[in-house]
PDB file of N, CA and C in Angstrom:
ATOM      1  N   MET A   1     -36.299  10.450  33.621  1.00  0.00           N
ATOM      2  CA  MET A   1     -35.997   9.649  32.295  1.00  0.00           C
ATOM      3  C   MET A   1     -35.793  10.456  31.107  1.00  0.00           C
ATOM      4  N   PRO A   2     -34.790  10.195  30.316  1.00  0.00           N
ATOM      5  CA  PRO A   2     -34.562  10.962  29.264  1.00  0.00           C
ATOM      6  C   PRO A   2     -35.654  10.481  28.135  1.00  0.00           C
ATOM      7  N   SER A   3     -35.971  11.742  27.141  1.00  0.00           N
ATOM      8  CA  SER A   3     -37.055  11.462  26.443  1.00  0.00           C
ATOM      9  C   SER A   3     -36.650  10.335  25.234  1.00  0.00           C
ATOM     10  N   GLU A   4     -37.436   9.824  25.114  1.00  0.00           N
ATOM     11  CA  GLU A   4     -37.357   8.738  23.879  1.00  0.00           C
ATOM     12  C   GLU A   4     -36.608   9.223  22.846  1.00  0.00           C
ATOM     13  N   LYS A   5     -37.018  10.100  22.064  1.00  0.00           N
ATOM     14  CA  LYS A   5     -36.005  10.676  21.035  1.00  0.00           C
ATOM     15  C   LYS A   5     -34.451  10.801  21.124  1.00  0.00           C
ATOM     16  N   ALA A   6     -34.399  11.382  22.443  1.00  0.00           N
ATOM     17  CA  ALA A   6     -32.849  11.595  22.680  1.00  0.00           C
ATOM     18  C   ALA A   6     -32.386  10.589  22.897  1.00  0.00           C
ATOM     19  N   ARG A   7     -32.957   9.076  23.556  1.00  0.00           N
ATOM     20  CA  ARG A   7     -32.241   8.131  23.664  1.00  0.00           C
ATOM     21  C   ARG A   7     -32.076   7.155  22.159  1.00  0.00           C
ATOM     22  N   ARG A   8     -33.288   7.377  21.354  1.00  0.00           N
ATOM     23  CA  ARG A   8     -33.116   7.087  19.825  1.00  0.00           C
ATOM     24  C   ARG A   8     -31.648   7.665  19.026  1.00  0.00           C
ATOM     25  N   THR A   9     -31.389   8.953  19.630  1.00  0.00           N
ATOM     26  CA  THR A   9     -30.711   9.512  18.854  1.00  0.00           C
ATOM     27  C   THR A   9     -29.276   9.185  19.258  1.00  0.00           C
ATOM     28  N   SER A  10     -29.171   9.173  20.692  1.00  0.00           N
ATOM     29  CA  SER A  10     -27.585   8.575  21.109  1.00  0.00           C
ATOM     30  C   SER A  10     -27.578   7.544  20.784  1.00  0.00           C
ATOM     31  N   VAL A  11     -28.365   6.434  20.543  1.00  0.00           N
ATOM     32  CA  VAL A  11     -28.084   4.939  20.017  1.00  0.00           C
ATOM     33  C   VAL A  11     -27.607   5.063  18.600  1.00  0.00           C
ATOM     34  N   LYS A  12     -28.331   5.985  17.889  1.00  0.00           N
ATOM     35  CA  LYS A  12     -27.675   6.032  16.693  1.00  0.00           C
ATOM     36  C   LYS A  12     -26.500   6.563  16.201  1.00  0.00           C
ATOM     37  N   LYS A  13     -26.158   7.647  17.291  1.00  0.00           N
ATOM     38  CA  LYS A  13     -24.903   8.567  17.186  1.00  0.00           C
ATOM     39  C   LYS A  13     -23.679   7.154  17.969  1.00  0.00           C
ATOM     40  N   ALA A  14     -24.069   6.442  18.635  1.00  0.00           N
ATOM     41  CA  ALA A  14     -22.941   5.623  19.463  1.00  0.00           C
ATOM     42  C   ALA A  14     -22.913   4.350  18.472  1.00  0.00           C
ATOM     43  N   GLU A  15     -23.668   4.009  17.798  1.00  0.00           N
ATOM     44  CA  GLU A  15     -23.454   3.110  16.902  1.00  0.00           C
ATOM     45  C   GLU A  15     -22.469   3.631  15.575  1.00  0.00           C
ATOM     46  N   ARG A  16     -22.825   4.764  15.005  1.00  0.00           N
ATOM     47  CA  ARG A  16     -21.871   5.256  13.953  1.00  0.00           C
ATOM     48  C   ARG A  16     -20.409   5.553  14.408  1.00  0.00           C
ATOM     49  N   ASN A  17     -20.162   6.348  15.760  1.00  0.00           N
ATOM     50  CA  ASN A  17     -19.020   6.139  16.427  1.00  0.00           C
ATOM     51  C   ASN A  17     -18.102   5.225  16.832  1.00  0.00           C
ATOM     52  N   LYS A  18     -18.987   4.085  17.097  1.00  0.00           N
ATOM     53  CA  LYS A  18     -18.440   2.372  17.501  1.00  0.00           C
ATOM     54  C   LYS A  18     -17.652   2.318  16.114  1.00  0.00           C
ATOM     55  N   ALA A  19     -18.446   2.336  14.949  1.00  0.00           N
ATOM     56  CA  ALA A  19     -18.153   1.654  13.685  1.00  0.00           C
ATOM     57  C   ALA A  19     -16.809   2.457  13.158  1.00  0.00           C
ATOM     58  N   THR A  20     -16.987   3.920  13.021  1.00  0.00           N
ATOM     59  CA  THR A  20     -15.728   4.694  12.999  1.00  0.00           C
ATOM     60  C   THR A  20     -14.491   4.604  13.930  1.00  0.00           C
ATOM     61  N   ARG A  21     -14.562   4.201  14.947  1.00  0.00           N
ATOM     62  CA  ARG A  21     -13.600   3.682  15.879  1.00  0.00           C
ATOM     63  C   ARG A  21     -12.657   2.324  15.652  1.00  0.00           C
ATOM     64  N   SER A  22     -13.899   1.802  15.346  1.00  0.00           N
ATOM     65  CA  SER A  22     -13.426   0.296  15.028  1.00  0.00           C
ATOM     66  C   SER A  22     -12.318   0.176  13.912  1.00  0.00           C
ATOM     67  N   LEU A  23     -12.862   0.922  12.727  1.00  0.00           N
ATOM     68  CA  LEU A  23     -12.213   1.254  11.808  1.00  0.00           C
ATOM     69  C   LEU A  23     -10.711   1.929  11.885  1.00  0.00           C
ATOM     70  N   ALA A  24     -10.766   2.820  12.720  1.00  0.00           N
ATOM     71  CA  ALA A  24      -9.528   3.238  13.201  1.00  0.00           C
ATOM     72  C   ALA A  24      -8.575   2.528  13.818  1.00  0.00           C
ATOM     73  N   LYS A  25      -9.246   1.794  14.738  1.00  0.00           N
ATOM     74  CA  LYS A  25      -8.299   0.653  15.282  1.00  0.00           C
ATOM     75  C   LYS A  25      -7.768  -0.348  14.385  1.00  0.00           C
ATOM     76  N   SER A  26      -8.499  -0.912  13.661  1.00  0.00           N
ATOM     77  CA  SER A  26      -8.192  -1.977  12.724  1.00  0.00           C
ATOM     78  C   SER A  26      -6.968  -1.537  11.818  1.00  0.00           C
ATOM     79  N   ILE A  27      -7.336  -0.114  11.049  1.00  0.00           N
ATOM     80  CA  ILE A  27      -6.073   0.656  10.325  1.00  0.00           C
ATOM     81  C   ILE A  27      -4.617   0.629  11.262  1.00  0.00           C
ATOM     82  N   VAL A  28      -5.324   1.338  12.413  1.00  0.00           N
ATOM     83  CA  VAL A  28      -3.576   1.457  13.343  1.00  0.00           C
ATOM     84  C   VAL A  28      -3.146   0.217  13.421  1.00  0.00           C
ATOM     85  N   SER A  29      -3.743  -1.108  14.025  1.00  0.00           N
ATOM     86  CA  SER A  29      -3.326  -2.036  14.156  1.00  0.00           C
ATOM     87  C   SER A  29      -2.534  -2.992  12.915  1.00  0.00           C
ATOM     88  N   ARG A  30      -3.292  -2.452  11.498  1.00  0.00           N
ATOM     89  CA  ARG A  30      -2.327  -2.913  10.443  1.00  0.00           C
ATOM     90  C   ARG A  30      -1.278  -2.188  10.097  1.00  0.00           C
ATOM     91  N   THR A  31      -1.124  -1.122  10.600  1.00  0.00           N
ATOM     92  CA  THR A  31       0.026  -0.375  10.466  1.00  0.00           C
ATOM     93  C   THR A  31       1.266  -0.559  11.628  1.00  0.00           C
ATOM     94  N   ARG A  32       1.062  -0.761  12.936  1.00  0.00           N
ATOM     95  CA  ARG A  32       1.982  -1.595  13.738  1.00  0.00           C
ATOM     96  C   ARG A  32       2.412  -2.922  13.365  1.00  0.00           C
ATOM     97  N   LYS A  33       1.715  -3.850  12.464  1.00  0.00           N
ATOM     98  CA  LYS A  33       1.957  -4.964  11.957  1.00  0.00           C
ATOM     99  C   LYS A  33       3.059  -4.628  10.776  1.00  0.00           C
ATOM    100  N   ALA A  34       2.774  -3.699   9.862  1.00  0.00           N
ATOM    101  CA  ALA A  34       3.626  -3.552   8.982  1.00  0.00           C
ATOM    102  C   ALA A  34       5.100  -3.028   9.485  1.00  0.00           C
ATOM    103  N   ILE A  35       4.976  -2.139  10.913  1.00  0.00           N
ATOM    104  CA  ILE A  35       6.048  -1.769  11.066  1.00  0.00           C
ATOM    105  C   ILE A  35       6.989  -2.808  12.129  1.00  0.00           C
ATOM    106  N   ALA A  36       6.094  -3.816  12.653  1.00  0.00           N
ATOM    107  CA  ALA A  36       6.976  -5.159  13.575  1.00  0.00           C
ATOM    108  C   ALA A  36       7.682  -5.776  12.416  1.00  0.00           C
ATOM    109  N   SER A  37       7.017  -6.129  10.844  1.00  0.00           N
ATOM    110  CA  SER A  37       7.510  -6.773  10.188  1.00  0.00           C
ATOM    111  C   SER A  37       8.861  -6.289   9.387  1.00  0.00           C
ATOM    112  N   GLY A  38       9.118  -4.679   9.662  1.00  0.00           N
ATOM    113  CA  GLY A  38      10.365  -3.973   8.985  1.00  0.00           C
ATOM    114  C   GLY A  38      10.155  -3.829   7.536  1.00  0.00           C
ATOM    115  N   ASP A  39       8.905  -3.860   7.041  1.00  0.00           N
ATOM    116  CA  ASP A  39       9.005  -3.531   5.443  1.00  0.00           C
ATOM    117  C   ASP A  39       8.727  -2.091   5.335  1.00  0.00           C
ATOM    118  N   MET A  40       9.439  -1.319   5.227  1.00  0.00           N
ATOM    119  CA  MET A  40       9.331   0.239   5.039  1.00  0.00           C
ATOM    120  C   MET A  40       8.204   0.742   4.236  1.00  0.00           C
ATOM    121  N   GLU A  41       8.198   0.327   2.932  1.00  0.00           N
ATOM    122  CA  GLU A  41       7.159   0.670   1.800  1.00  0.00           C
ATOM    123  C   GLU A  41       5.814   0.491   2.660  1.00  0.00           C
ATOM    124  N   ALA A  42       5.551  -0.598   3.042  1.00  0.00           N
ATOM    125  CA  ALA A  42       4.501  -1.203   3.482  1.00  0.00           C
ATOM    126  C   ALA A  42       3.882  -0.024   4.781  1.00  0.00           C
ATOM    127  N   ALA A  43       4.795   0.163   5.717  1.00  0.00           N
ATOM    128  CA  ALA A  43       4.497   0.852   6.901  1.00  0.00           C
ATOM    129  C   ALA A  43       4.543   2.376   6.316  1.00  0.00           C
ATOM    130  N   ASN A  44       4.895   2.962   5.502  1.00  0.00           N
ATOM    131  CA  ASN A  44       4.722   4.108   4.827  1.00  0.00           C
ATOM    132  C   ASN A  44       3.266   4.179   4.567  1.00  0.00           C
ATOM    133  N   THR A  45       2.889   3.105   3.653  1.00  0.00           N
ATOM    134  CA  THR A  45       1.504   2.964   3.096  1.00  0.00           C
ATOM    135  C   THR A  45       0.318   3.023   4.250  1.00  0.00           C
ATOM    136  N   ALA A  46       0.775   2.064   5.025  1.00  0.00           N
ATOM    137  CA  ALA A  46      -0.292   1.902   6.178  1.00  0.00           C
ATOM    138  C   ALA A  46      -0.362   3.248   7.098  1.00  0.00           C
ATOM    139  N   ASN A  47       0.765   3.976   7.307  1.00  0.00           N
ATOM    140  CA  ASN A  47       0.932   5.134   8.246  1.00  0.00           C
ATOM    141  C   ASN A  47      -0.153   6.115   7.499  1.00  0.00           C
ATOM    142  N   ALA A  48       0.236   6.464   6.088  1.00  0.00           N
ATOM    143  CA  ALA A  48      -0.456   7.401   5.528  1.00  0.00           C
ATOM    144  C   ALA A  48      -2.150   7.286   5.679  1.00  0.00           C
ATOM    145  N   GLU A  49      -2.558   6.033   5.549  1.00  0.00           N
ATOM    146  CA  GLU A  49      -4.066   5.290   5.339  1.00  0.00           C
ATOM    147  C   GLU A  49      -4.296   5.591   6.835  1.00  0.00           C
ATOM    148  N   ALA A  50      -3.685   5.263   7.798  1.00  0.00           N
ATOM    149  CA  ALA A  50      -3.875   5.463   9.458  1.00  0.00           C
ATOM    150  C   ALA A  50      -4.289   6.825   9.636  1.00  0.00           C
ATOM    151  N   ALA A  51      -3.174   7.851   9.006  1.00  0.00           N
ATOM    152  CA  ALA A  51      -3.554   9.276   9.567  1.00  0.00           C
ATOM    153  C   ALA A  51      -4.822   9.730   8.689  1.00  0.00           C
ATOM    154  N   SER A  52      -5.351   9.160   7.566  1.00  0.00           N
ATOM    155  CA  SER A  52      -6.310   9.592   7.087  1.00  0.00           C
ATOM    156  C   SER A  52      -7.763   9.264   7.668  1.00  0.00           C
ATOM    157  N   VAL A  53      -7.250   8.112   8.073  1.00  0.00           N
ATOM    158  CA  VAL A  53      -8.768   7.243   8.843  1.00  0.00           C
ATOM    159  C   VAL A  53      -8.993   8.231  10.422  1.00  0.00           C
ATOM    160  N   LEU A  54      -7.799   8.456  10.721  1.00  0.00           N
ATOM    161  CA  LEU A  54      -7.960   9.249  12.001  1.00  0.00           C
ATOM    162  C   LEU A  54      -8.460  10.211  11.922  1.00  0.00           C
ATOM    163  N   ASP A  55      -7.973  11.116  10.812  1.00  0.00           N
ATOM    164  CA  ASP A  55      -8.516  12.611  10.780  1.00  0.00           C
ATOM    165  C   ASP A  55      -9.994  12.690  10.497  1.00  0.00           C
ATOM    166  N   LYS A  56     -10.208  11.439   9.701  1.00  0.00           N
ATOM    167  CA  LYS A  56     -11.836  11.384   9.393  1.00  0.00           C
ATOM    168  C   LYS A  56     -12.717  11.153  10.430  1.00  0.00           C
ATOM    169  N   ALA A  57     -12.395  10.316  11.293  1.00  0.00           N
ATOM    170  CA  ALA A  57     -12.866  10.301  12.880  1.00  0.00           C
ATOM    171  C   ALA A  57     -12.624  11.457  13.369  1.00  0.00           C
ATOM    172  N   VAL A  58     -11.925  12.210  13.374  1.00  0.00           N
ATOM    173  CA  VAL A  58     -11.733  13.471  14.271  1.00  0.00           C
ATOM    174  C   VAL A  58     -12.941  14.537  13.652  1.00  0.00           C
ATOM    175  N   LYS A  59     -13.285  14.352  12.228  1.00  0.00           N
ATOM    176  CA  LYS A  59     -14.035  15.212  11.371  1.00  0.00           C
ATOM    177  C   LYS A  59     -15.608  14.933  11.823  1.00  0.00           C
ATOM    178  N   LYS A  60     -15.598  13.490  12.009  1.00  0.00           N
ATOM    179  CA  LYS A  60     -16.972  12.875  12.395  1.00  0.00           C
ATOM    180  C   LYS A  60     -17.366  13.335  13.902  1.00  0.00           C
ATOM    181  N   GLY A  61     -16.466  13.290  14.753  1.00  0.00           N
ATOM    182  CA  GLY A  61     -16.335  13.597  16.036  1.00  0.00           C
ATOM    183  C   GLY A  61     -16.832  12.183  16.784  1.00  0.00           C
ATOM    184  N   SER A  62     -15.904  11.483  16.256  1.00  0.00           N
ATOM    185  CA  SER A  62     -15.939  10.048  17.001  1.00  0.00           C
ATOM    186  C   SER A  62     -14.562  10.129  18.002  1.00  0.00           C
ATOM    187  N   LEU A  63     -13.594  10.482  17.649  1.00  0.00           N
ATOM    188  CA  LEU A  63     -12.244  11.034  18.386  1.00  0.00           C
ATOM    189  C   LEU A  63     -12.261  12.262  18.687  1.00  0.00           C
ATOM    190  N   HIS A  64     -11.514  12.651  19.865  1.00  0.00           N
ATOM    191  CA  HIS A  64     -10.862  13.869  20.327  1.00  0.00           C
ATOM    192  C   HIS A  64      -9.605  14.052  19.597  1.00  0.00           C
ATOM    193  N   PRO A  65      -9.844  15.285  18.818  1.00  0.00           N
ATOM    194  CA  PRO A  65      -8.563  15.739  17.997  1.00  0.00           C
ATOM    195  C   PRO A  65      -7.113  15.411  18.858  1.00  0.00           C
ATOM    196  N   ASN A  66      -6.910  15.481  19.943  1.00  0.00           N
ATOM    197  CA  ASN A  66      -5.650  15.392  20.739  1.00  0.00           C
ATOM    198  C   ASN A  66      -5.296  13.688  20.580  1.00  0.00           C
ATOM    199  N   ASN A  67      -6.504  13.040  20.923  1.00  0.00           N
ATOM    200  CA  ASN A  67      -6.257  11.761  20.709  1.00  0.00           C
ATOM    201  C   ASN A  67      -5.638  11.065  19.212  1.00  0.00           C
ATOM    202  N   ALA A  68      -6.219  11.585  18.496  1.00  0.00           N
ATOM    203  CA  ALA A  68      -5.737  11.307  16.924  1.00  0.00           C
ATOM    204  C   ALA A  68      -4.388  11.886  16.893  1.00  0.00           C
ATOM    205  N   ALA A  69      -4.066  13.131  17.229  1.00  0.00           N
ATOM    206  CA  ALA A  69      -2.961  13.564  17.033  1.00  0.00           C
ATOM    207  C   ALA A  69      -1.815  12.944  17.409  1.00  0.00           C
ATOM    208  N   ARG A  70      -1.752  11.992  19.082  1.00  0.00           N
ATOM    209  CA  ARG A  70      -1.145  11.383  19.394  1.00  0.00           C
ATOM    210  C   ARG A  70      -1.023  10.201  18.812  1.00  0.00           C
ATOM    211  N   ARG A  71      -1.777   9.610  18.614  1.00  0.00           N
ATOM    212  CA  ARG A  71      -2.113   8.179  17.809  1.00  0.00           C
ATOM    213  C   ARG A  71      -1.211   8.317  16.109  1.00  0.00           C
ATOM    214  N   LYS A  72      -1.204   9.391  15.675  1.00  0.00           N
ATOM    215  CA  LYS A  72      -0.472   9.699  14.393  1.00  0.00           C
ATOM    216  C   LYS A  72       0.919   9.993  14.647  1.00  0.00           C
ATOM    217  N   SER A  73       1.403  10.493  15.615  1.00  0.00           N
ATOM    218  CA  SER A  73       2.538  11.150  16.099  1.00  0.00           C
ATOM    219  C   SER A  73       3.410   9.691  16.666  1.00  0.00           C
ATOM    220  N   ARG A  74       3.002   8.853  17.286  1.00  0.00           N
ATOM    221  CA  ARG A  74       3.343   7.712  17.585  1.00  0.00           C
ATOM    222  C   ARG A  74       3.741   6.862  16.353  1.00  0.00           C
ATOM    223  N   LEU A  75       2.674   6.596  15.467  1.00  0.00           N
ATOM    224  CA  LEU A  75       2.908   6.078  14.530  1.00  0.00           C
ATOM    225  C   LEU A  75       3.941   6.382  13.534  1.00  0.00           C
ATOM    226  N   ALA A  76       3.955   7.712  13.668  1.00  0.00           N
ATOM    227  CA  ALA A  76       5.091   8.373  12.397  1.00  0.00           C
ATOM    228  C   ALA A  76       6.212   8.247  13.083  1.00  0.00           C
ATOM    229  N   THR A  77       6.487   8.291  14.268  1.00  0.00           N
ATOM    230  CA  THR A  77       7.678   8.102  14.835  1.00  0.00           C
ATOM    231  C   THR A  77       8.336   6.682  14.814  1.00  0.00           C
ATOM    232  N   GLN A  78       7.213   5.682  15.021  1.00  0.00           N
ATOM    233  CA  GLN A  78       8.004   4.352  15.030  1.00  0.00           C
ATOM    234  C   GLN A  78       8.194   4.194  13.388  1.00  0.00           C
ATOM    235  N   VAL A  79       7.533   4.459  12.508  1.00  0.00           N
ATOM    236  CA  VAL A  79       7.706   4.348  10.985  1.00  0.00           C
ATOM    237  C   VAL A  79       8.960   4.950  10.663  1.00  0.00           C
ATOM    238  N   SER A  80       9.591   6.146  11.182  1.00  0.00           N
ATOM    239  CA  SER A  80      10.576   6.790  10.859  1.00  0.00           C
ATOM    240  C   SER A  80      11.809   6.258  11.834  1.00  0.00           C
ATOM    241  N   ARG A  81      11.552   5.157  12.675  1.00  0.00           N
ATOM    242  CA  ARG A  81      12.884   4.518  13.337  1.00  0.00           C
ATOM    243  C   ARG A  81      13.030   3.217  12.689  1.00  0.00           C
ATOM    244  N   LEU A  82      12.448   3.187  11.586  1.00  0.00           N
ATOM    245  CA  LEU A  82      12.588   1.736  10.811  1.00  0.00           C
ATOM    246  C   LEU A  82      14.052   2.193   9.762  1.00  0.00           C
ATOM    247  N   VAL A  83      14.002   3.493   9.536  1.00  0.00           N
ATOM    248  CA  VAL A  83      15.122   3.403   8.603  1.00  0.00           C
ATOM    249  C   VAL A  83      16.586   3.407   8.728  1.00  0.00           C
TER     250      VAL A  83
END
């Protein structure tokens, strides 16, 4: 049986990580919608915001650095194809 304190800690950590990852998913989804609409200005703004949120998730330890880098790269590629 894990100790009570370890269980409490892991529950708190899971809640924080879930909130951070959920925010990242929402922002990435918003970016994809902007790309799909074809609005270059909105896509660039949303892409910058997504990159920032993904970097913050990495800093907090909610996402693996390679995972965030891959997501940012794919979004940037999609935005660059709009031109």
